[in-house]
């Protein structure tokens, strides 16, 4: 989180940095499903780039992350799976990212190409 906070200080007009900060804050929270700092970061990202879907997707997915992280994801939520893979890679949990990739493809065979493409961009092993 420290790196994302610093990035938003250095480039306060960068919506991607604010969205990423929101994701990191949600991932780091053990008890709060939507910490105030995360909500504020997502809101700022949306204000900075209202046409971008990324902050809005991050906002929605962050609300379901606790369930995803406990291993009970909504299998049809492809965006949630992608965020889970990103989070696992960010945390250095490559084996868990690979497992999420395989589970996402199995649960969503019609979107397997999209899931593979996203996983490759993230550097998920096995993608």
Protein backbone atom coordinates (compact mmCIF):
# COMPACT_ATOMS: atom_id res chain seq x y z
CA UNK A 1 0.00 0.00 0.00
CA UNK A 2 2.86 2.32 0.74
CA UNK A 3 3.90 2.31 -2.91
CA UNK A 4 0.39 3.13 -4.12
CA UNK A 5 0.05 5.91 -1.54
CA UNK A 6 3.35 7.35 -2.73
CA UNK A 7 2.30 7.04 -6.36
CA UNK A 8 -0.88 9.03 -5.66
CA UNK A 9 1.22 11.69 -3.94
CA UNK A 10 3.57 11.95 -6.90
CA UNK A 11 0.79 11.84 -9.52
CA UNK A 12 -2.45 12.88 -7.82
CA UNK A 13 -4.24 13.12 -11.16
CA UNK A 14 -3.64 9.47 -12.11
CA UNK A 15 -6.92 7.56 -11.79
CA UNK A 16 -5.22 4.18 -12.17
CA UNK A 17 -3.02 4.83 -9.15
CA UNK A 18 -6.06 5.80 -7.05
CA UNK A 19 -7.98 2.71 -8.15
CA UNK A 20 -4.97 0.51 -7.39
CA UNK A 21 -4.64 2.10 -3.97
CA UNK A 22 -8.29 1.29 -3.27
CA UNK A 23 -7.74 -2.32 -4.27
CA UNK A 24 -4.64 -2.60 -2.09
CA UNK A 25 -6.41 -1.13 0.94
CA UNK A 26 -9.30 -3.58 0.57
CA UNK A 27 -6.90 -6.48 0.19
CA UNK A 28 -4.95 -5.48 3.30
CA UNK A 29 -8.04 -5.12 5.46
CA UNK A 30 -8.72 -8.17 7.57
CA UNK A 31 -12.08 -7.10 8.98
CA UNK A 32 -13.55 -4.15 7.10
CA UNK A 33 -15.03 -5.08 3.73
CA UNK A 34 -14.78 -1.48 2.50
CA UNK A 35 -12.35 0.64 4.48
CA UNK A 36 -12.95 4.39 4.28
CA UNK A 37 -9.58 4.92 2.64
CA UNK A 38 -10.47 2.44 -0.12
CA UNK A 39 -13.87 4.04 -0.75
CA UNK A 40 -12.25 7.47 -0.94
CA UNK A 41 -9.59 6.19 -3.36
CA UNK A 42 -12.18 4.59 -5.65
CA UNK A 43 -14.31 7.75 -5.56
CA UNK A 44 -11.27 9.86 -6.47
CA UNK A 45 -10.39 7.53 -9.36
CA UNK A 46 -13.91 7.77 -10.73
CA UNK A 47 -13.91 11.58 -10.39
CA UNK A 48 -10.57 11.80 -12.20
CA UNK A 49 -11.61 9.52 -15.06
CA UNK A 50 -15.40 9.14 -15.16
CA UNK A 51 -15.30 7.37 -18.54
CA UNK A 52 -12.97 4.62 -17.32
CA UNK A 53 -14.62 1.40 -16.27
CA UNK A 54 -11.62 0.22 -14.23
CA UNK A 55 -12.32 2.19 -11.02
CA UNK A 56 -16.01 1.28 -11.15
CA UNK A 57 -15.17 -2.39 -11.61
CA UNK A 58 -12.63 -2.13 -8.80
CA UNK A 59 -15.26 -0.57 -6.55
CA UNK A 60 -17.79 -3.33 -7.23
CA UNK A 61 -15.24 -6.12 -6.97
CA UNK A 62 -13.73 -4.73 -3.79
CA UNK A 63 -17.10 -5.11 -2.12
CA UNK A 64 -17.07 -8.86 -2.83
CA UNK A 65 -13.36 -9.50 -2.17
CA UNK A 66 -13.83 -10.79 1.35
CA UNK A 67 -16.00 -13.60 -0.01
CA UNK A 68 -13.55 -14.24 -2.85
CA UNK A 69 -10.59 -14.30 -0.51
CA UNK A 70 -12.35 -16.79 1.77
CA UNK A 71 -12.57 -19.12 -1.22
CA UNK A 72 -16.27 -18.72 -1.95
CA UNK A 73 -16.32 -16.55 -5.08
CA UNK A 74 -19.30 -16.12 -7.32
CA UNK A 75 -18.08 -18.39 -10.09
CA UNK A 76 -19.71 -16.27 -12.81
CA UNK A 77 -18.01 -13.03 -11.74
CA UNK A 78 -15.15 -12.90 -14.24
CA UNK A 79 -14.09 -9.41 -13.12
CA UNK A 80 -13.85 -10.73 -9.57
CA UNK A 81 -11.63 -13.59 -10.68
CA UNK A 82 -9.38 -11.20 -12.59
CA UNK A 83 -9.06 -8.95 -9.56
CA UNK A 84 -8.31 -11.95 -7.40
CA UNK A 85 -5.52 -12.99 -9.78
CA UNK A 86 -4.15 -9.44 -9.78
CA UNK A 87 -4.27 -9.29 -6.01
CA UNK A 88 -2.54 -12.63 -5.61
CA UNK A 89 0.21 -11.59 -8.04
CA UNK A 90 0.62 -8.26 -6.26
CA UNK A 91 1.01 -10.10 -2.98
CA UNK A 92 3.52 -12.49 -4.54
CA UNK A 93 1.15 -15.43 -4.15
CA UNK A 94 1.77 -16.86 -7.61
CA UNK A 95 0.52 -20.37 -6.81
CA UNK A 96 -2.77 -18.94 -5.56
CA UNK A 97 -2.98 -16.73 -8.65
CA UNK A 98 -2.51 -19.82 -10.82
CA UNK A 99 -5.19 -21.68 -8.88
CA UNK A 100 -7.58 -18.74 -9.32
CA UNK A 101 -6.79 -18.71 -13.04
CA UNK A 102 -7.62 -22.41 -13.40
CA UNK A 103 -10.79 -22.07 -11.31
CA UNK A 104 -11.91 -19.01 -13.28
CA UNK A 105 -11.50 -20.81 -16.60
CA UNK A 106 -13.30 -23.89 -15.34
CA UNK A 107 -16.21 -21.81 -14.04
CA UNK A 108 -16.43 -19.64 -17.17
CA UNK A 109 -15.51 -21.65 -20.26
CA UNK A 110 -17.23 -19.15 -22.56
CA UNK A 111 -14.86 -16.43 -21.32
CA UNK A 112 -11.74 -18.57 -21.15
CA UNK A 113 -9.93 -16.48 -23.79
CA UNK A 114 -10.56 -13.24 -21.91
CA UNK A 115 -9.45 -14.82 -18.63
CA UNK A 116 -6.30 -16.20 -20.28
CA UNK A 117 -5.48 -12.82 -21.86
CA UNK A 118 -5.89 -11.00 -18.54
CA UNK A 119 -3.85 -13.65 -16.72
CA UNK A 120 -1.04 -13.35 -19.26
CA UNK A 121 -0.94 -9.58 -18.83
CA UNK A 122 -0.69 -10.10 -15.07
CA UNK A 123 2.07 -12.69 -15.52
CA UNK A 124 0.12 -15.51 -13.89
CA UNK A 125 2.13 -18.74 -14.19
CA UNK A 126 0.46 -21.25 -16.47
CA UNK A 127 -1.53 -18.67 -18.43
